[in-house]
N, C-alpha and C. Protein backbone atom coordinates (compact mmCIF):
# COMPACT_ATOMS: atom_id res chain seq x y z
N MET A 1 85.73 -11.05 -52.31
CA MET A 1 84.72 -10.73 -51.56
C MET A 1 84.68 -9.57 -50.98
N ASN A 2 83.60 -8.83 -50.84
CA ASN A 2 83.02 -7.93 -49.76
C ASN A 2 82.02 -8.67 -48.79
N ARG A 3 82.51 -8.49 -47.33
CA ARG A 3 82.10 -9.14 -46.47
C ARG A 3 81.21 -7.93 -45.36
N VAL A 4 80.25 -7.97 -45.13
CA VAL A 4 80.10 -6.72 -44.17
C VAL A 4 78.94 -7.42 -43.07
N THR A 5 79.03 -7.21 -41.65
CA THR A 5 77.91 -7.31 -40.72
C THR A 5 77.15 -6.29 -40.82
N THR A 6 76.18 -6.11 -39.97
CA THR A 6 75.29 -5.41 -39.08
C THR A 6 76.09 -4.48 -38.14
N ASP A 7 76.79 -5.52 -37.24
CA ASP A 7 78.08 -4.50 -36.59
C ASP A 7 78.64 -3.59 -36.91
N GLU A 8 78.99 -4.04 -38.16
CA GLU A 8 80.24 -3.00 -38.70
C GLU A 8 79.82 -1.74 -39.47
N ARG A 9 78.23 -1.41 -39.54
CA ARG A 9 77.65 -0.35 -39.99
C ARG A 9 76.80 0.09 -38.97
N SER A 10 76.68 1.40 -38.89
CA SER A 10 76.07 2.43 -38.08
C SER A 10 74.71 2.95 -38.83
N PRO A 11 73.73 2.59 -38.32
CA PRO A 11 72.01 2.75 -39.28
C PRO A 11 72.08 4.79 -39.18
N THR A 12 71.81 4.93 -40.47
CA THR A 12 71.81 6.37 -40.51
C THR A 12 70.12 7.02 -40.70
N THR A 13 69.43 7.51 -39.38
CA THR A 13 68.40 7.84 -39.23
C THR A 13 67.69 8.73 -40.49
N VAL A 14 66.96 8.10 -41.29
CA VAL A 14 66.26 8.81 -42.65
C VAL A 14 64.81 9.33 -42.32
N SER A 15 64.20 9.14 -41.43
CA SER A 15 62.68 9.95 -41.34
C SER A 15 62.84 9.15 -39.31
N GLU A 16 61.72 10.25 -38.85
CA GLU A 16 61.63 9.75 -37.64
C GLU A 16 61.40 8.22 -37.09
N GLY A 17 62.23 7.50 -36.50
CA GLY A 17 62.00 6.00 -36.07
C GLY A 17 62.16 5.19 -37.07
N VAL A 18 62.85 5.99 -38.00
CA VAL A 18 63.33 4.93 -39.54
C VAL A 18 65.03 5.22 -39.92
N ALA A 19 65.41 4.02 -39.62
CA ALA A 19 66.86 3.81 -39.88
C ALA A 19 67.27 2.86 -41.17
N LEU A 20 68.49 3.37 -41.73
CA LEU A 20 68.85 2.28 -42.54
C LEU A 20 70.45 2.25 -42.75
N ALA A 21 70.74 1.47 -42.87
CA ALA A 21 72.73 0.86 -43.20
C ALA A 21 72.97 0.24 -44.29
N ASP A 22 74.09 0.88 -44.72
CA ASP A 22 74.58 0.03 -46.16
C ASP A 22 75.17 -0.93 -45.76
N LEU A 23 74.49 -2.53 -46.73
CA LEU A 23 75.59 -3.12 -46.34
C LEU A 23 76.24 -3.60 -47.31
N ALA A 24 76.24 -5.10 -48.07
CA ALA A 24 76.62 -5.06 -49.41
C ALA A 24 76.44 -4.47 -50.46
N ARG A 25 77.47 -4.13 -51.46
CA ARG A 25 76.92 -3.45 -53.02
C ARG A 25 78.08 -3.95 -53.65
N GLY A 26 77.18 -4.08 -54.96
CA GLY A 26 77.83 -4.97 -56.07
C GLY A 26 77.66 -3.95 -57.31
N GLU A 27 78.48 -4.22 -58.66
CA GLU A 27 77.92 -3.59 -59.51
C GLU A 27 76.79 -3.52 -60.23
N ARG A 28 75.65 -4.11 -59.91
CA ARG A 28 74.01 -3.84 -60.01
C ARG A 28 73.24 -3.97 -59.10
N ALA A 29 73.58 -4.29 -57.72
CA ALA A 29 72.49 -4.09 -56.72
C ALA A 29 73.32 -3.99 -55.25
N SER A 30 72.48 -3.16 -54.54
CA SER A 30 72.87 -2.90 -53.22
C SER A 30 72.02 -3.41 -52.14
N MET A 31 72.32 -3.68 -51.09
CA MET A 31 71.79 -4.29 -49.67
C MET A 31 71.57 -3.32 -48.26
N LYS A 32 70.43 -3.00 -48.43
CA LYS A 32 70.34 -2.14 -46.68
C LYS A 32 69.63 -2.91 -45.54
N PHE A 33 70.15 -2.67 -44.47
CA PHE A 33 69.73 -3.11 -43.46
C PHE A 33 68.61 -2.06 -42.79
N TRP A 34 67.19 -2.50 -42.78
CA TRP A 34 66.57 -1.54 -42.39
C TRP A 34 65.89 -1.68 -40.95
N ARG A 35 65.20 -1.03 -39.79
CA ARG A 35 64.67 -0.91 -38.78
C ARG A 35 63.37 -0.09 -38.65
N VAL A 36 62.64 -0.20 -38.35
CA VAL A 36 61.56 0.97 -38.26
C VAL A 36 60.87 0.74 -37.00
N GLU A 37 60.87 1.75 -36.27
CA GLU A 37 60.35 1.60 -34.70
C GLU A 37 58.70 1.68 -34.43
N PRO A 38 58.21 1.12 -33.50
CA PRO A 38 56.86 1.01 -33.48
C PRO A 38 56.35 2.66 -33.57
N GLY A 39 55.40 2.71 -34.23
CA GLY A 39 54.35 3.98 -34.41
C GLY A 39 55.03 4.74 -35.64
N ALA A 40 56.35 4.25 -36.23
CA ALA A 40 56.83 4.83 -37.04
C ALA A 40 56.52 4.22 -38.46
N THR A 41 56.80 5.84 -39.35
CA THR A 41 56.23 5.45 -40.96
C THR A 41 57.12 5.46 -41.81
N LEU A 42 57.53 4.76 -42.14
CA LEU A 42 58.56 5.00 -44.27
C LEU A 42 57.71 5.68 -45.17
N PRO A 43 58.06 6.95 -45.24
CA PRO A 43 57.27 7.91 -46.43
C PRO A 43 56.79 6.94 -47.26
N THR A 44 55.31 7.42 -47.98
CA THR A 44 55.71 6.67 -49.88
C THR A 44 56.61 7.55 -50.45
N HIS A 45 57.12 6.48 -51.78
CA HIS A 45 58.25 7.25 -52.60
C HIS A 45 58.32 6.08 -53.36
N ARG A 46 58.38 6.83 -54.72
CA ARG A 46 58.76 5.86 -55.73
C ARG A 46 60.38 5.87 -56.30
N HIS A 47 60.75 5.04 -56.88
CA HIS A 47 62.36 5.14 -57.54
C HIS A 47 62.44 4.47 -58.40
N ASP A 48 63.47 4.43 -59.49
CA ASP A 48 63.61 3.57 -60.43
C ASP A 48 64.12 2.30 -60.18
N ASN A 49 64.77 2.03 -59.16
CA ASN A 49 65.11 0.89 -59.03
C ASN A 49 64.20 -0.67 -58.41
N GLU A 50 64.37 -1.63 -58.84
CA GLU A 50 63.28 -2.99 -58.14
C GLU A 50 63.57 -2.86 -56.77
N GLN A 51 62.92 -3.57 -56.19
CA GLN A 51 63.42 -3.24 -54.56
C GLN A 51 62.37 -4.87 -54.18
N ILE A 52 63.44 -5.56 -53.60
CA ILE A 52 62.89 -6.96 -52.68
C ILE A 52 63.55 -7.36 -51.43
N GLY A 53 62.92 -7.48 -50.68
CA GLY A 53 63.35 -7.47 -49.22
C GLY A 53 62.90 -8.49 -48.04
N TYR A 54 63.30 -8.67 -46.99
CA TYR A 54 62.41 -9.55 -46.23
C TYR A 54 62.77 -8.90 -44.79
N VAL A 55 61.58 -9.62 -44.20
CA VAL A 55 61.28 -8.68 -42.67
C VAL A 55 61.55 -9.48 -41.81
N ILE A 56 62.65 -9.77 -41.02
CA ILE A 56 63.24 -10.61 -40.46
C ILE A 56 62.41 -10.44 -38.63
N SER A 57 62.26 -9.71 -38.44
CA SER A 57 61.55 -9.44 -37.00
C SER A 57 60.74 -8.49 -36.94
N GLY A 58 59.29 -8.45 -35.87
CA GLY A 58 58.48 -7.33 -36.06
C GLY A 58 57.46 -7.49 -37.41
N ALA A 59 56.46 -6.61 -37.56
CA ALA A 59 55.77 -6.44 -38.71
C ALA A 59 55.71 -4.81 -39.00
N LEU A 60 55.24 -5.00 -40.33
CA LEU A 60 55.17 -3.54 -41.33
C LEU A 60 53.68 -3.72 -41.67
N THR A 61 53.06 -2.76 -42.20
CA THR A 61 51.92 -2.30 -43.19
C THR A 61 52.51 -1.94 -44.07
N ALA A 62 52.44 -2.49 -45.56
CA ALA A 62 53.05 -1.87 -46.53
C ALA A 62 51.79 -0.87 -47.25
N VAL A 63 52.18 0.21 -47.57
CA VAL A 63 51.61 1.17 -47.74
C VAL A 63 51.69 1.38 -50.00
N LEU A 64 50.64 0.92 -50.35
CA LEU A 64 50.41 1.22 -51.53
C LEU A 64 50.11 2.14 -52.60
N ASP A 65 49.74 2.07 -53.26
CA ASP A 65 48.56 3.39 -54.18
C ASP A 65 47.68 3.13 -53.68
N ASP A 66 46.87 2.57 -53.60
CA ASP A 66 45.65 2.27 -53.18
C ASP A 66 44.99 0.97 -52.65
N GLU A 67 46.19 0.37 -51.51
CA GLU A 67 45.55 -0.69 -50.80
C GLU A 67 46.84 -0.52 -49.87
N THR A 68 46.64 -1.28 -48.37
CA THR A 68 47.73 -1.98 -47.92
C THR A 68 48.05 -3.33 -47.64
N ARG A 69 48.93 -3.88 -47.32
CA ARG A 69 49.04 -5.17 -47.49
C ARG A 69 49.81 -5.58 -45.92
N PRO A 70 49.77 -6.26 -44.98
CA PRO A 70 50.58 -6.72 -44.06
C PRO A 70 51.81 -7.49 -44.21
N LEU A 71 52.56 -7.32 -43.47
CA LEU A 71 53.95 -7.80 -43.70
C LEU A 71 54.64 -8.25 -42.46
N PRO A 72 54.58 -9.63 -42.14
CA PRO A 72 54.96 -10.02 -40.86
C PRO A 72 56.06 -10.81 -40.82
N ALA A 73 56.75 -10.87 -39.95
CA ALA A 73 58.18 -11.48 -39.66
C ALA A 73 57.97 -12.79 -40.93
N GLY A 74 59.01 -12.92 -41.53
CA GLY A 74 59.33 -14.08 -42.14
C GLY A 74 58.77 -13.86 -43.64
N THR A 75 58.13 -12.85 -44.00
CA THR A 75 57.52 -12.43 -45.35
C THR A 75 58.48 -11.77 -46.06
N SER A 76 58.34 -12.33 -47.12
CA SER A 76 59.94 -11.39 -48.28
C SER A 76 58.48 -10.26 -49.20
N TYR A 77 59.50 -9.24 -50.16
CA TYR A 77 58.15 -8.27 -50.31
C TYR A 77 58.97 -7.90 -51.68
N ALA A 78 58.55 -7.64 -53.04
CA ALA A 78 58.98 -7.24 -53.88
C ALA A 78 58.19 -5.56 -54.31
N PHE A 79 58.63 -4.89 -55.00
CA PHE A 79 58.28 -3.62 -55.32
C PHE A 79 58.88 -3.71 -56.59
N GLU A 80 58.27 -3.12 -58.17
CA GLU A 80 58.44 -3.16 -59.00
C GLU A 80 59.15 -1.33 -59.75
N SER A 81 59.86 -1.29 -60.31
CA SER A 81 60.63 0.06 -60.54
C SER A 81 59.19 1.07 -60.84
N GLY A 82 59.47 2.14 -60.04
CA GLY A 82 58.41 3.04 -60.20
C GLY A 82 57.19 2.95 -59.39
N GLU A 83 56.96 1.78 -58.25
CA GLU A 83 56.06 1.62 -57.97
C GLU A 83 55.80 2.55 -56.81
N LEU A 84 54.77 3.27 -56.47
CA LEU A 84 54.50 3.67 -55.04
C LEU A 84 54.60 2.95 -54.00
N HIS A 85 55.69 3.42 -52.89
CA HIS A 85 55.23 1.98 -52.08
C HIS A 85 55.80 2.62 -50.27
N GLY A 86 55.44 2.34 -49.47
CA GLY A 86 56.02 3.04 -48.37
C GLY A 86 55.39 2.01 -47.15
N ALA A 87 55.76 2.07 -45.84
CA ALA A 87 55.48 0.94 -44.42
C ALA A 87 55.18 1.94 -43.51
N GLU A 88 54.35 1.43 -42.49
CA GLU A 88 54.18 1.99 -41.24
C GLU A 88 54.51 0.54 -40.00
N ASN A 89 55.10 1.17 -39.20
CA ASN A 89 55.05 0.21 -38.36
C ASN A 89 53.83 0.00 -36.93
N ARG A 90 52.73 -0.46 -37.60
CA ARG A 90 51.63 -0.41 -36.08
C ARG A 90 51.92 -1.34 -35.25
N GLY A 91 52.25 -2.20 -34.91
CA GLY A 91 52.97 -2.91 -33.57
C GLY A 91 53.43 -2.35 -33.12
N GLU A 92 54.02 -3.39 -31.91
CA GLU A 92 54.61 -2.78 -30.31
C GLU A 92 56.26 -3.15 -30.52
N GLU A 93 56.75 -3.53 -31.07
CA GLU A 93 58.21 -3.89 -31.69
C GLU A 93 58.74 -3.38 -32.78
N PRO A 94 60.18 -2.94 -32.42
CA PRO A 94 60.93 -2.77 -33.78
C PRO A 94 60.65 -3.73 -34.75
N ALA A 95 60.41 -3.43 -36.19
CA ALA A 95 60.68 -4.21 -37.36
C ALA A 95 61.82 -3.98 -38.10
N VAL A 96 62.87 -5.23 -38.48
CA VAL A 96 63.95 -5.29 -38.73
C VAL A 96 63.69 -5.77 -39.74
N GLY A 97 64.88 -5.68 -41.22
CA GLY A 97 64.79 -6.36 -41.98
C GLY A 97 66.07 -5.73 -43.26
N ILE A 98 66.09 -6.63 -44.23
CA ILE A 98 66.81 -6.01 -45.40
C ILE A 98 66.31 -5.99 -46.55
N GLY A 99 66.36 -5.15 -47.35
CA GLY A 99 65.95 -4.73 -48.68
C GLY A 99 67.19 -4.97 -50.03
N VAL A 100 67.12 -5.25 -50.89
CA VAL A 100 68.11 -5.32 -51.89
C VAL A 100 67.31 -4.47 -53.28
N LEU A 101 68.07 -3.42 -53.53
CA LEU A 101 67.88 -2.37 -54.44
C LEU A 101 68.60 -2.87 -56.08
N SER A 102 67.68 -2.83 -57.22
CA SER A 102 69.06 -3.12 -58.24
C SER A 102 68.09 -2.03 -59.74
N PRO A 103 69.16 -1.17 -59.78
CA PRO A 103 70.48 -1.27 -59.89
C PRO A 103 70.63 -0.59 -58.47
N PRO A 104 72.01 -0.51 -57.83
CA PRO A 104 72.41 -0.07 -56.72
C PRO A 104 71.88 1.38 -56.17
N ARG A 105 71.67 1.99 -55.27
CA ARG A 105 71.00 3.16 -54.79
C ARG A 105 71.54 3.33 -53.63
N ASP A 106 71.93 4.68 -53.35
CA ASP A 106 72.60 5.64 -52.07
C ASP A 106 71.65 6.12 -50.81
N GLU A 107 71.69 7.52 -51.14
CA GLU A 107 70.72 7.95 -50.38
C GLU A 107 68.87 7.53 -50.76
N PRO A 108 67.80 7.73 -49.60
CA PRO A 108 66.58 7.64 -50.08
C PRO A 108 66.73 9.06 -50.28
N ASP A 109 65.44 9.35 -51.01
CA ASP A 109 65.09 10.45 -51.39
C ASP A 109 63.99 10.80 -51.34
N TRP A 110 63.02 11.14 -50.16
CA TRP A 110 62.04 10.83 -50.06
C TRP A 110 60.58 11.71 -50.17
N GLY A 111 61.52 13.01 -50.46
CA GLY A 111 60.80 14.08 -51.28
C GLY A 111 60.43 13.79 -52.63
N GLU A 112 60.58 12.93 -53.06
CA GLU A 112 60.33 12.73 -54.34
C GLU A 112 59.33 11.56 -55.33
N ALA A 113 58.05 11.33 -53.99
CA ALA A 113 57.31 10.42 -54.30
C ALA A 113 56.23 11.33 -55.31
N ASP A 114 55.88 10.79 -56.20
CA ASP A 114 54.89 11.62 -57.44
C ASP A 114 53.42 10.78 -56.88
N ASP A 115 53.01 11.81 -55.89
CA ASP A 115 51.68 11.31 -55.36
C ASP A 115 50.53 11.48 -56.12
């Protein structure tokens, strides 16, 4: 068993106000901890991985191809492989959550969104 806590991983800043940390990783999926500061934007992007996640605290606004959707604390989400998505923290507190990607994903590649 591979056991990892958020205290054991140092988040990496991947965009201004957006930090990710790798948590557990398996053969078919990887889990990431994320934190998005107030006013920060996770750039829109797409990838071949399916992505599911959960907002632990704070709130985000999901930015999709042609709409936005609120993601308050306690909300889970799912993005299909290839679906354009991003997020904005329009609130006054950091948004914190976890995301799971299958197949596993390493570093984000924000520059590869097909807008």
